PDB file of all heavy atoms in Angstrom:
ATOM      1  N   GLY A   1      79.185  30.710  30.450  1.00  0.00           N
ATOM      2  CA  GLY A   1      79.973  31.278  29.415  1.00  0.00           C
ATOM      3  C   GLY A   1      79.195  32.340  28.615  1.00  0.00           C
ATOM      4  O   GLY A   1      78.010  32.397  28.669  1.00  0.00           O
ATOM      5  N   SER A   2      79.930  33.208  27.904  1.00  0.00           N
ATOM      6  CA  SER A   2      79.288  34.330  27.209  1.00  0.00           C
ATOM      7  C   SER A   2      79.620  34.373  25.707  1.00  0.00           C
ATOM      8  O   SER A   2      79.145  35.288  25.013  1.00  0.00           O
ATOM      9  CB  SER A   2      79.691  35.641  27.849  1.00  0.00           C
ATOM     10  OG  SER A   2      81.172  35.825  27.658  1.00  0.00           O
ATOM     11  N   TYR A   3      80.297  33.337  25.164  1.00  0.00           N
ATOM     12  CA  TYR A   3      80.675  33.445  23.812  1.00  0.00           C
ATOM     13  C   TYR A   3      79.497  33.351  22.893  1.00  0.00           C
ATOM     14  O   TYR A   3      79.598  33.876  21.721  1.00  0.00           O
ATOM     15  CB  TYR A   3      81.658  32.298  23.462  1.00  0.00           C
ATOM     16  CG  TYR A   3      82.303  32.538  22.060  1.00  0.00           C
ATOM     17  CD1 TYR A   3      83.279  33.552  21.917  1.00  0.00           C
ATOM     18  CD2 TYR A   3      81.942  31.841  20.984  1.00  0.00           C
ATOM     19  CE1 TYR A   3      83.869  33.765  20.653  1.00  0.00           C
ATOM     20  CE2 TYR A   3      82.576  32.026  19.778  1.00  0.00           C
ATOM     21  CZ  TYR A   3      83.537  33.060  19.531  1.00  0.00           C
ATOM     22  OH  TYR A   3      84.016  33.250  18.385  1.00  0.00           O
ATOM     23  N   GLN A   4      78.354  32.793  23.330  1.00  0.00           N
ATOM     24  CA  GLN A   4      77.155  32.686  22.388  1.00  0.00           C
ATOM     25  C   GLN A   4      76.725  34.117  21.976  1.00  0.00           C
ATOM     26  O   GLN A   4      76.026  34.282  20.961  1.00  0.00           O
ATOM     27  CB  GLN A   4      76.049  31.961  23.157  1.00  0.00           C
ATOM     28  CG  GLN A   4      75.358  32.732  24.285  1.00  0.00           C
ATOM     29  CD  GLN A   4      76.133  32.675  25.510  1.00  0.00           C
ATOM     30  OE1 GLN A   4      77.189  32.057  25.581  1.00  0.00           O
ATOM     31  NE2 GLN A   4      75.544  33.239  26.564  1.00  0.00           N
ATOM     32  N   GLN A   5      77.152  35.158  22.720  1.00  0.00           N
ATOM     33  CA  GLN A   5      76.710  36.530  22.414  1.00  0.00           C
ATOM     34  C   GLN A   5      77.542  36.968  21.119  1.00  0.00           C
ATOM     35  O   GLN A   5      77.164  38.000  20.467  1.00  0.00           O
ATOM     36  CB  GLN A   5      77.001  37.467  23.545  1.00  0.00           C
ATOM     37  CG  GLN A   5      76.204  37.146  24.762  1.00  0.00           C
ATOM     38  CD  GLN A   5      76.626  37.928  25.940  1.00  0.00           C
ATOM     39  OE1 GLN A   5      77.490  38.836  25.823  1.00  0.00           O
ATOM     40  NE2 GLN A   5      76.119  37.595  27.103  1.00  0.00           N
ATOM     41  N   ARG A   6      78.583  36.240  20.740  1.00  0.00           N
ATOM     42  CA  ARG A   6      79.352  36.583  19.554  1.00  0.00           C
ATOM     43  C   ARG A   6      79.116  35.705  18.375  1.00  0.00           C
ATOM     44  O   ARG A   6      79.802  35.850  17.338  1.00  0.00           O
ATOM     45  CB  ARG A   6      80.877  36.546  19.944  1.00  0.00           C
ATOM     46  CG  ARG A   6      81.236  37.348  21.153  1.00  0.00           C
ATOM     47  CD  ARG A   6      82.762  37.272  21.365  1.00  0.00           C
ATOM     48  NE  ARG A   6      83.220  37.737  22.699  1.00  0.00           N
ATOM     49  CZ  ARG A   6      84.391  37.684  23.129  1.00  0.00           C
ATOM     50  NH1 ARG A   6      85.357  37.271  22.298  1.00  0.00           N
ATOM     51  NH2 ARG A   6      84.682  38.035  24.371  1.00  0.00           N
ATOM     52  N   PHE A   7      78.201  34.773  18.462  1.00  0.00           N
ATOM     53  CA  PHE A   7      77.962  33.914  17.321  1.00  0.00           C
ATOM     54  C   PHE A   7      77.649  34.646  16.000  1.00  0.00           C
ATOM     55  O   PHE A   7      76.819  35.581  16.091  1.00  0.00           O
ATOM     56  CB  PHE A   7      76.727  32.997  17.573  1.00  0.00           C
ATOM     57  CG  PHE A   7      77.027  31.872  18.588  1.00  0.00           C
ATOM     58  CD1 PHE A   7      75.990  31.164  19.098  1.00  0.00           C
ATOM     59  CD2 PHE A   7      78.327  31.531  18.923  1.00  0.00           C
ATOM     60  CE1 PHE A   7      76.203  30.151  20.059  1.00  0.00           C
ATOM     61  CE2 PHE A   7      78.565  30.543  19.830  1.00  0.00           C
ATOM     62  CZ  PHE A   7      77.488  29.808  20.419  1.00  0.00           C
ATOM     63  N   SER A   8      78.309  34.360  15.005  1.00  0.00           N
ATOM     64  CA  SER A   8      77.970  34.938  13.631  1.00  0.00           C
ATOM     65  C   SER A   8      77.108  34.065  12.827  1.00  0.00           C
ATOM     66  O   SER A   8      76.465  34.570  11.879  1.00  0.00           O
ATOM     67  CB  SER A   8      79.234  35.269  12.923  1.00  0.00           C
ATOM     68  OG  SER A   8      80.008  34.089  12.655  1.00  0.00           O
ATOM     69  N   ALA A   9      77.026  32.781  13.129  1.00  0.00           N
ATOM     70  CA  ALA A   9      76.179  31.833  12.342  1.00  0.00           C
ATOM     71  C   ALA A   9      75.426  30.880  13.203  1.00  0.00           C
ATOM     72  O   ALA A   9      74.203  30.717  12.983  1.00  0.00           O
ATOM     73  CB  ALA A   9      77.127  31.022  11.390  1.00  0.00           C
ATOM     74  N   TYR A  10      76.115  30.256  14.160  1.00  0.00           N
ATOM     75  CA  TYR A  10      75.398  29.245  14.937  1.00  0.00           C
ATOM     76  C   TYR A  10      74.156  29.759  15.641  1.00  0.00           C
ATOM     77  O   TYR A  10      74.120  30.828  16.303  1.00  0.00           O
ATOM     78  CB  TYR A  10      76.304  28.630  15.955  1.00  0.00           C
ATOM     79  CG  TYR A  10      75.730  27.315  16.646  1.00  0.00           C
ATOM     80  CD1 TYR A  10      75.813  26.101  15.988  1.00  0.00           C
ATOM     81  CD2 TYR A  10      75.033  27.484  17.792  1.00  0.00           C
ATOM     82  CE1 TYR A  10      75.293  24.978  16.570  1.00  0.00           C
ATOM     83  CE2 TYR A  10      74.411  26.298  18.381  1.00  0.00           C
ATOM     84  CZ  TYR A  10      74.567  25.174  17.743  1.00  0.00           C
ATOM     85  OH  TYR A  10      73.998  23.968  18.297  1.00  0.00           O
ATOM     86  N   ASP A  11      73.048  29.032  15.421  1.00  0.00           N
ATOM     87  CA  ASP A  11      71.742  29.305  16.166  1.00  0.00           C
ATOM     88  C   ASP A  11      71.223  30.650  15.789  1.00  0.00           C
ATOM     89  O   ASP A  11      70.420  31.307  16.463  1.00  0.00           O
ATOM     90  CB  ASP A  11      71.930  29.315  17.693  1.00  0.00           C
ATOM     91  CG  ASP A  11      70.642  29.021  18.386  1.00  0.00           C
ATOM     92  OD1 ASP A  11      69.769  28.336  17.851  1.00  0.00           O
ATOM     93  OD2 ASP A  11      70.489  29.514  19.567  1.00  0.00           O
ATOM     94  N   ARG A  12      71.526  31.130  14.482  1.00  0.00           N
ATOM     95  CA  ARG A  12      71.050  32.420  13.965  1.00  0.00           C
ATOM     96  C   ARG A  12      70.170  32.227  12.759  1.00  0.00           C
ATOM     97  O   ARG A  12      70.086  33.095  11.868  1.00  0.00           O
ATOM     98  CB  ARG A  12      72.132  33.405  13.712  1.00  0.00           C
ATOM     99  CG  ARG A  12      72.965  33.730  14.967  1.00  0.00           C
ATOM    100  CD  ARG A  12      74.017  34.846  14.624  1.00  0.00           C
ATOM    101  NE  ARG A  12      73.251  36.138  14.300  1.00  0.00           N
ATOM    102  CZ  ARG A  12      73.282  36.657  13.061  1.00  0.00           C
ATOM    103  NH1 ARG A  12      73.937  36.069  12.064  1.00  0.00           N
ATOM    104  NH2 ARG A  12      72.637  37.699  12.795  1.00  0.00           N
ATOM    105  N   GLU A  13      69.498  31.154  12.667  1.00  0.00           N
ATOM    106  CA  GLU A  13      68.646  30.911  11.515  1.00  0.00           C
ATOM    107  C   GLU A  13      67.648  32.044  11.247  1.00  0.00           C
ATOM    108  O   GLU A  13      66.909  32.500  12.169  1.00  0.00           O
ATOM    109  CB  GLU A  13      67.857  29.595  11.641  1.00  0.00           C
ATOM    110  CG  GLU A  13      67.005  29.252  10.461  1.00  0.00           C
ATOM    111  CD  GLU A  13      66.157  27.977  10.767  1.00  0.00           C
ATOM    112  OE1 GLU A  13      66.107  27.534  11.904  1.00  0.00           O
ATOM    113  OE2 GLU A  13      65.581  27.489   9.722  1.00  0.00           O
ATOM    114  N   GLY A  14      67.641  32.507   9.954  1.00  0.00           N
ATOM    115  CA  GLY A  14      66.685  33.548   9.587  1.00  0.00           C
ATOM    116  C   GLY A  14      67.167  34.954   9.831  1.00  0.00           C
ATOM    117  O   GLY A  14      66.448  35.878   9.509  1.00  0.00           O
ATOM    118  N   GLU A  15      68.381  35.035  10.503  1.00  0.00           N
ATOM    119  CA  GLU A  15      68.872  36.422  10.808  1.00  0.00           C
ATOM    120  C   GLU A  15      69.869  36.872   9.760  1.00  0.00           C
ATOM    121  O   GLU A  15      70.454  36.001   9.058  1.00  0.00           O
ATOM    122  CB  GLU A  15      69.561  36.380  12.154  1.00  0.00           C
ATOM    123  CG  GLU A  15      68.582  36.057  13.360  1.00  0.00           C
ATOM    124  CD  GLU A  15      69.212  36.098  14.673  1.00  0.00           C
ATOM    125  OE1 GLU A  15      70.269  36.908  14.794  1.00  0.00           O
ATOM    126  OE2 GLU A  15      68.828  35.374  15.565  1.00  0.00           O
ATOM    127  N   PRO A  16      70.079  38.117   9.597  1.00  0.00           N
ATOM    128  CA  PRO A  16      70.966  38.656   8.573  1.00  0.00           C
ATOM    129  C   PRO A  16      72.380  38.136   8.776  1.00  0.00           C
ATOM    130  O   PRO A  16      72.887  38.059   9.877  1.00  0.00           O
ATOM    131  CB  PRO A  16      70.927  40.181   8.710  1.00  0.00           C
ATOM    132  CG  PRO A  16      69.664  40.421   9.453  1.00  0.00           C
ATOM    133  CD  PRO A  16      69.449  39.179  10.282  1.00  0.00           C
ATOM    134  N   CYS A  17      73.103  37.831   7.678  1.00  0.00           N
ATOM    135  CA  CYS A  17      74.497  37.519   7.811  1.00  0.00           C
ATOM    136  C   CYS A  17      75.313  38.677   8.286  1.00  0.00           C
ATOM    137  O   CYS A  17      75.044  39.843   7.883  1.00  0.00           O
ATOM    138  CB  CYS A  17      75.048  37.025   6.452  1.00  0.00           C
ATOM    139  SG  CYS A  17      76.778  36.578   6.407  1.00  0.00           S
ATOM    140  N   LEU A  18      76.292  38.456   9.173  1.00  0.00           N
ATOM    141  CA  LEU A  18      77.087  39.546   9.768  1.00  0.00           C
ATOM    142  C   LEU A  18      78.359  39.842   8.942  1.00  0.00           C
ATOM    143  O   LEU A  18      79.145  40.754   9.386  1.00  0.00           O
ATOM    144  CB  LEU A  18      77.417  39.239  11.219  1.00  0.00           C
ATOM    145  CG  LEU A  18      76.173  39.115  12.139  1.00  0.00           C
ATOM    146  CD1 LEU A  18      76.603  38.769  13.552  1.00  0.00           C
ATOM    147  CD2 LEU A  18      75.351  40.380  12.133  1.00  0.00           C
ATOM    148  N   THR A  19      78.583  39.032   7.913  1.00  0.00           N
ATOM    149  CA  THR A  19      79.822  39.337   7.063  1.00  0.00           C
ATOM    150  C   THR A  19      79.641  40.704   6.433  1.00  0.00           C
ATOM    151  O   THR A  19      78.522  41.009   5.835  1.00  0.00           O
ATOM    152  CB  THR A  19      79.921  38.305   5.984  1.00  0.00           C
ATOM    153  OG1 THR A  19      80.059  36.954   6.650  1.00  0.00           O
ATOM    154  CG2 THR A  19      81.158  38.495   5.186  1.00  0.00           C
ATOM    155  N   PRO A  20      80.642  41.510   6.512  1.00  0.00           N
ATOM    156  CA  PRO A  20      80.542  42.826   5.872  1.00  0.00           C
ATOM    157  C   PRO A  20      80.124  42.821   4.400  1.00  0.00           C
ATOM    158  O   PRO A  20      80.692  42.030   3.632  1.00  0.00           O
ATOM    159  CB  PRO A  20      81.893  43.453   6.071  1.00  0.00           C
ATOM    160  CG  PRO A  20      82.479  42.818   7.273  1.00  0.00           C
ATOM    161  CD  PRO A  20      81.901  41.371   7.234  1.00  0.00           C
ATOM    162  N   ASN A  21      79.130  43.669   4.033  1.00  0.00           N
ATOM    163  CA  ASN A  21      78.612  43.746   2.713  1.00  0.00           C
ATOM    164  C   ASN A  21      77.905  42.578   2.142  1.00  0.00           C
ATOM    165  O   ASN A  21      77.544  42.543   0.987  1.00  0.00           O
ATOM    166  CB  ASN A  21      79.801  44.129   1.723  1.00  0.00           C
ATOM    167  CG  ASN A  21      80.570  45.358   2.128  1.00  0.00           C
ATOM    168  OD1 ASN A  21      79.925  46.375   2.505  1.00  0.00           O
ATOM    169  ND2 ASN A  21      81.922  45.339   2.047  1.00  0.00           N
ATOM    170  N   CYS A  22      77.617  41.592   3.023  1.00  0.00           N
ATOM    171  CA  CYS A  22      76.805  40.433   2.591  1.00  0.00           C
ATOM    172  C   CYS A  22      75.338  40.744   2.795  1.00  0.00           C
ATOM    173  O   CYS A  22      74.911  41.217   3.812  1.00  0.00           O
ATOM    174  CB  CYS A  22      77.259  39.191   3.310  1.00  0.00           C
ATOM    175  SG  CYS A  22      76.364  37.662   2.822  1.00  0.00           S
ATOM    176  N   ILE A  23      74.539  40.272   1.850  1.00  0.00           N
ATOM    177  CA  ILE A  23      73.120  40.561   1.952  1.00  0.00           C
ATOM    178  C   ILE A  23      72.318  39.236   2.268  1.00  0.00           C
ATOM    179  O   ILE A  23      71.135  39.174   2.203  1.00  0.00           O
ATOM    180  CB  ILE A  23      72.527  41.168   0.621  1.00  0.00           C
ATOM    181  CG1 ILE A  23      72.815  40.195  -0.475  1.00  0.00           C
ATOM    182  CG2 ILE A  23      73.088  42.524   0.347  1.00  0.00           C
ATOM    183  CD1 ILE A  23      72.102  40.602  -1.812  1.00  0.00           C
ATOM    184  N   GLY A  24      73.077  38.230   2.649  1.00  0.00           N
ATOM    185  CA  GLY A  24      72.483  36.947   2.796  1.00  0.00           C
ATOM    186  C   GLY A  24      71.788  36.760   4.214  1.00  0.00           C
ATOM    187  O   GLY A  24      71.894  37.673   5.068  1.00  0.00           O
ATOM    188  N   THR A  25      71.080  35.703   4.347  1.00  0.00           N
ATOM    189  CA  THR A  25      70.365  35.349   5.532  1.00  0.00           C
ATOM    190  C   THR A  25      70.867  33.957   6.055  1.00  0.00           C
ATOM    191  O   THR A  25      70.947  33.032   5.230  1.00  0.00           O
ATOM    192  CB  THR A  25      68.889  35.286   5.292  1.00  0.00           C
ATOM    193  OG1 THR A  25      68.441  36.604   4.914  1.00  0.00           O
ATOM    194  CG2 THR A  25      68.117  34.905   6.639  1.00  0.00           C
ATOM    195  N   ILE A  26      71.133  33.816   7.345  1.00  0.00           N
ATOM    196  CA  ILE A  26      71.617  32.548   7.859  1.00  0.00           C
ATOM    197  C   ILE A  26      70.568  31.498   7.677  1.00  0.00           C
ATOM    198  O   ILE A  26      69.395  31.618   7.992  1.00  0.00           O
ATOM    199  CB  ILE A  26      71.978  32.681   9.318  1.00  0.00           C
ATOM    200  CG1 ILE A  26      73.125  33.693   9.505  1.00  0.00           C
ATOM    201  CG2 ILE A  26      72.480  31.313   9.900  1.00  0.00           C
ATOM    202  CD1 ILE A  26      74.385  33.321   8.758  1.00  0.00           C
ATOM    203  N   LYS A  27      71.097  30.347   7.125  1.00  0.00           N
ATOM    204  CA  LYS A  27      70.200  29.159   6.860  1.00  0.00           C
ATOM    205  C   LYS A  27      70.564  27.994   7.747  1.00  0.00           C
ATOM    206  O   LYS A  27      71.776  27.824   8.122  1.00  0.00           O
ATOM    207  CB  LYS A  27      70.311  28.747   5.366  1.00  0.00           C
ATOM    208  CG  LYS A  27      69.433  27.638   4.992  1.00  0.00           C
ATOM    209  CD  LYS A  27      69.543  27.345   3.509  1.00  0.00           C
ATOM    210  CE  LYS A  27      68.680  26.156   3.028  1.00  0.00           C
ATOM    211  NZ  LYS A  27      68.783  25.894   1.584  1.00  0.00           N
ATOM    212  N   ARG A  28      69.602  27.174   8.091  1.00  0.00           N
ATOM    213  CA  ARG A  28      69.880  25.970   8.904  1.00  0.00           C
ATOM    214  C   ARG A  28      69.538  24.773   8.103  1.00  0.00           C
ATOM    215  O   ARG A  28      68.501  24.622   7.419  1.00  0.00           O
ATOM    216  CB  ARG A  28      69.053  25.962  10.168  1.00  0.00           C
ATOM    217  CG  ARG A  28      69.151  24.628  10.998  1.00  0.00           C
ATOM    218  CD  ARG A  28      68.107  24.633  12.160  1.00  0.00           C
ATOM    219  NE  ARG A  28      68.131  23.405  12.818  1.00  0.00           N
ATOM    220  CZ  ARG A  28      67.360  22.342  12.470  1.00  0.00           C
ATOM    221  NH1 ARG A  28      66.495  22.456  11.451  1.00  0.00           N
ATOM    222  NH2 ARG A  28      67.386  21.202  13.156  1.00  0.00           N
ATOM    223  N   ILE A  29      70.552  23.852   8.097  1.00  0.00           N
ATOM    224  CA  ILE A  29      70.316  22.499   7.478  1.00  0.00           C
ATOM    225  C   ILE A  29      70.748  21.432   8.483  1.00  0.00           C
ATOM    226  O   ILE A  29      71.347  21.760   9.507  1.00  0.00           O
ATOM    227  CB  ILE A  29      71.121  22.343   6.163  1.00  0.00           C
ATOM    228  CG1 ILE A  29      72.579  22.487   6.438  1.00  0.00           C
ATOM    229  CG2 ILE A  29      70.643  23.310   5.055  1.00  0.00           C
ATOM    230  CD1 ILE A  29      73.448  22.116   5.254  1.00  0.00           C
ATOM    231  N   VAL A  30      70.404  20.222   8.180  1.00  0.00           N
ATOM    232  CA  VAL A  30      70.766  19.102   9.117  1.00  0.00           C
ATOM    233  C   VAL A  30      71.716  18.233   8.419  1.00  0.00           C
ATOM    234  O   VAL A  30      71.478  17.723   7.276  1.00  0.00           O
ATOM    235  CB  VAL A  30      69.531  18.284   9.543  1.00  0.00           C
ATOM    236  CG1 VAL A  30      69.965  17.100  10.399  1.00  0.00           C
ATOM    237  CG2 VAL A  30      68.588  19.165  10.308  1.00  0.00           C
ATOM    238  N   GLN A  31      72.838  17.993   8.952  1.00  0.00           N
ATOM    239  CA  GLN A  31      73.901  17.055   8.423  1.00  0.00           C
ATOM    240  C   GLN A  31      74.234  15.981   9.533  1.00  0.00           C
ATOM    241  O   GLN A  31      74.683  16.353  10.584  1.00  0.00           O
ATOM    242  CB  GLN A  31      75.170  17.882   8.094  1.00  0.00           C
ATOM    243  CG  GLN A  31      75.008  18.883   6.955  1.00  0.00           C
ATOM    244  CD  GLN A  31      76.367  19.583   6.723  1.00  0.00           C
ATOM    245  OE1 GLN A  31      76.689  20.512   7.482  1.00  0.00           O
ATOM    246  NE2 GLN A  31      77.045  19.197   5.631  1.00  0.00           N
ATOM    247  N   SER A  32      74.051  14.746   9.117  1.00  0.00           N
ATOM    248  CA  SER A  32      74.286  13.641  10.025  1.00  0.00           C
ATOM    249  C   SER A  32      73.626  13.832  11.325  1.00  0.00           C
ATOM    250  O   SER A  32      74.263  13.548  12.423  1.00  0.00           O
ATOM    251  CB  SER A  32      75.800  13.438  10.184  1.00  0.00           C
ATOM    252  OG  SER A  32      76.393  13.215   8.944  1.00  0.00           O
ATOM    253  N   GLY A  33      72.433  14.386  11.345  1.00  0.00           N
ATOM    254  CA  GLY A  33      71.646  14.533  12.628  1.00  0.00           C
ATOM    255  C   GLY A  33      72.008  15.768  13.386  1.00  0.00           C
ATOM    256  O   GLY A  33      71.433  15.989  14.447  1.00  0.00           O
ATOM    257  N   ARG A  34      72.931  16.642  12.833  1.00  0.00           N
ATOM    258  CA  ARG A  34      73.278  17.851  13.563  1.00  0.00           C
ATOM    259  C   ARG A  34      72.928  19.100  12.746  1.00  0.00           C
ATOM    260  O   ARG A  34      73.013  19.120  11.521  1.00  0.00           O
ATOM    261  CB  ARG A  34      74.775  17.886  13.899  1.00  0.00           C
ATOM    262  CG  ARG A  34      75.259  16.701  14.754  1.00  0.00           C
ATOM    263  CD  ARG A  34      76.790  16.805  15.016  1.00  0.00           C
ATOM    264  NE  ARG A  34      77.267  15.760  15.890  1.00  0.00           N
ATOM    265  CZ  ARG A  34      78.521  15.621  16.235  1.00  0.00           C
ATOM    266  NH1 ARG A  34      79.415  16.500  15.834  1.00  0.00           N
ATOM    267  NH2 ARG A  34      78.854  14.619  17.092  1.00  0.00           N
ATOM    268  N   SER A  35      72.558  20.110  13.424  1.00  0.00           N
ATOM    269  CA  SER A  35      72.265  21.377  12.748  1.00  0.00           C
ATOM    270  C   SER A  35      73.520  22.062  12.270  1.00  0.00           C
ATOM    271  O   SER A  35      74.449  22.199  13.058  1.00  0.00           O
ATOM    272  CB  SER A  35      71.506  22.338  13.726  1.00  0.00           C
ATOM    273  OG  SER A  35      70.178  21.729  14.012  1.00  0.00           O
ATOM    274  N   SER A  36      73.536  22.512  11.005  1.00  0.00           N
ATOM    275  CA  SER A  36      74.529  23.397  10.464  1.00  0.00           C
ATOM    276  C   SER A  36      73.890  24.686  10.134  1.00  0.00           C
ATOM    277  O   SER A  36      72.856  24.780   9.538  1.00  0.00           O
ATOM    278  CB  SER A  36      75.093  22.746   9.223  1.00  0.00           C
ATOM    279  OG  SER A  36      75.739  21.521   9.522  1.00  0.00           O
ATOM    280  N   PHE A  37      74.553  25.777  10.537  1.00  0.00           N
ATOM    281  CA  PHE A  37      74.084  27.150  10.223  1.00  0.00           C
ATOM    282  C   PHE A  37      75.180  27.807   9.360  1.00  0.00           C
ATOM    283  O   PHE A  37      76.360  27.827   9.610  1.00  0.00           O
ATOM    284  CB  PHE A  37      73.942  27.942  11.518  1.00  0.00           C
ATOM    285  CG  PHE A  37      72.909  27.338  12.461  1.00  0.00           C
ATOM    286  CD1 PHE A  37      73.281  26.382  13.399  1.00  0.00           C
ATOM    287  CD2 PHE A  37      71.646  27.742  12.380  1.00  0.00           C
ATOM    288  CE1 PHE A  37      72.368  25.858  14.283  1.00  0.00           C
ATOM    289  CE2 PHE A  37      70.677  27.228  13.227  1.00  0.00           C
ATOM    290  CZ  PHE A  37      71.011  26.269  14.222  1.00  0.00           C
ATOM    291  N   TYR A  38      74.733  28.403   8.237  1.00  0.00           N
ATOM    292  CA  TYR A  38      75.605  29.031   7.274  1.00  0.00           C
ATOM    293  C   TYR A  38      74.891  29.999   6.405  1.00  0.00           C
ATOM    294  O   TYR A  38      73.660  30.142   6.380  1.00  0.00           O
ATOM    295  CB  TYR A  38      76.274  27.962   6.356  1.00  0.00           C
ATOM    296  CG  TYR A  38      75.361  27.434   5.283  1.00  0.00           C
ATOM    297  CD1 TYR A  38      75.606  27.792   3.926  1.00  0.00           C
ATOM    298  CD2 TYR A  38      74.300  26.558   5.601  1.00  0.00           C
ATOM    299  CE1 TYR A  38      74.791  27.401   2.909  1.00  0.00           C
ATOM    300  CE2 TYR A  38      73.502  26.115   4.540  1.00  0.00           C
ATOM    301  CZ  TYR A  38      73.698  26.559   3.201  1.00  0.00           C
ATOM    302  OH  TYR A  38      72.910  26.054   2.230  1.00  0.00           O
ATOM    303  N   CYS A  39      75.676  30.853   5.741  1.00  0.00           N
ATOM    304  CA  CYS A  39      75.092  31.806   4.825  1.00  0.00           C
ATOM    305  C   CYS A  39      75.242  31.314   3.404  1.00  0.00           C
ATOM    306  O   CYS A  39      76.398  31.141   2.973  1.00  0.00           O
ATOM    307  CB  CYS A  39      75.856  33.138   5.026  1.00  0.00           C
ATOM    308  SG  CYS A  39      75.243  34.402   3.732  1.00  0.00           S
ATOM    309  N   PRO A  40      74.147  31.085   2.619  1.00  0.00           N
ATOM    310  CA  PRO A  40      74.265  30.600   1.307  1.00  0.00           C
ATOM    311  C   PRO A  40      74.788  31.613   0.318  1.00  0.00           C
ATOM    312  O   PRO A  40      75.064  31.225  -0.840  1.00  0.00           O
ATOM    313  CB  PRO A  40      72.855  30.213   1.007  1.00  0.00           C
ATOM    314  CG  PRO A  40      71.955  30.984   1.894  1.00  0.00           C
ATOM    315  CD  PRO A  40      72.755  31.246   3.164  1.00  0.00           C
ATOM    316  N   VAL A  41      74.962  32.877   0.742  1.00  0.00           N
ATOM    317  CA  VAL A  41      75.472  33.915  -0.181  1.00  0.00           C
ATOM    318  C   VAL A  41      76.994  33.976  -0.129  1.00  0.00           C
ATOM    319  O   VAL A  41      77.681  33.893  -1.164  1.00  0.00           O
ATOM    320  CB  VAL A  41      74.812  35.291   0.162  1.00  0.00           C
ATOM    321  CG1 VAL A  41      75.457  36.392  -0.718  1.00  0.00           C
ATOM    322  CG2 VAL A  41      73.287  35.185  -0.077  1.00  0.00           C
ATOM    323  N   CYS A  42      77.552  34.102   1.106  1.00  0.00           N
ATOM    324  CA  CYS A  42      78.982  34.339   1.191  1.00  0.00           C
ATOM    325  C   CYS A  42      79.800  33.120   1.480  1.00  0.00           C
ATOM    326  O   CYS A  42      81.025  33.096   1.430  1.00  0.00           O
ATOM    327  CB  CYS A  42      79.299  35.435   2.233  1.00  0.00           C
ATOM    328  SG  CYS A  42      78.909  34.956   3.879  1.00  0.00           S
TER     329      CYS A  42
END
């Protein structure tokens, strides 16, 4: 599959957020043993 090429958050720790006009950086945390990727700014 090729959808991983379109990820905006998942597996992008430390990379710039792709939300328009957002200056955040994708962060990784662990929730119930699973990785969560999100932007703490937007």
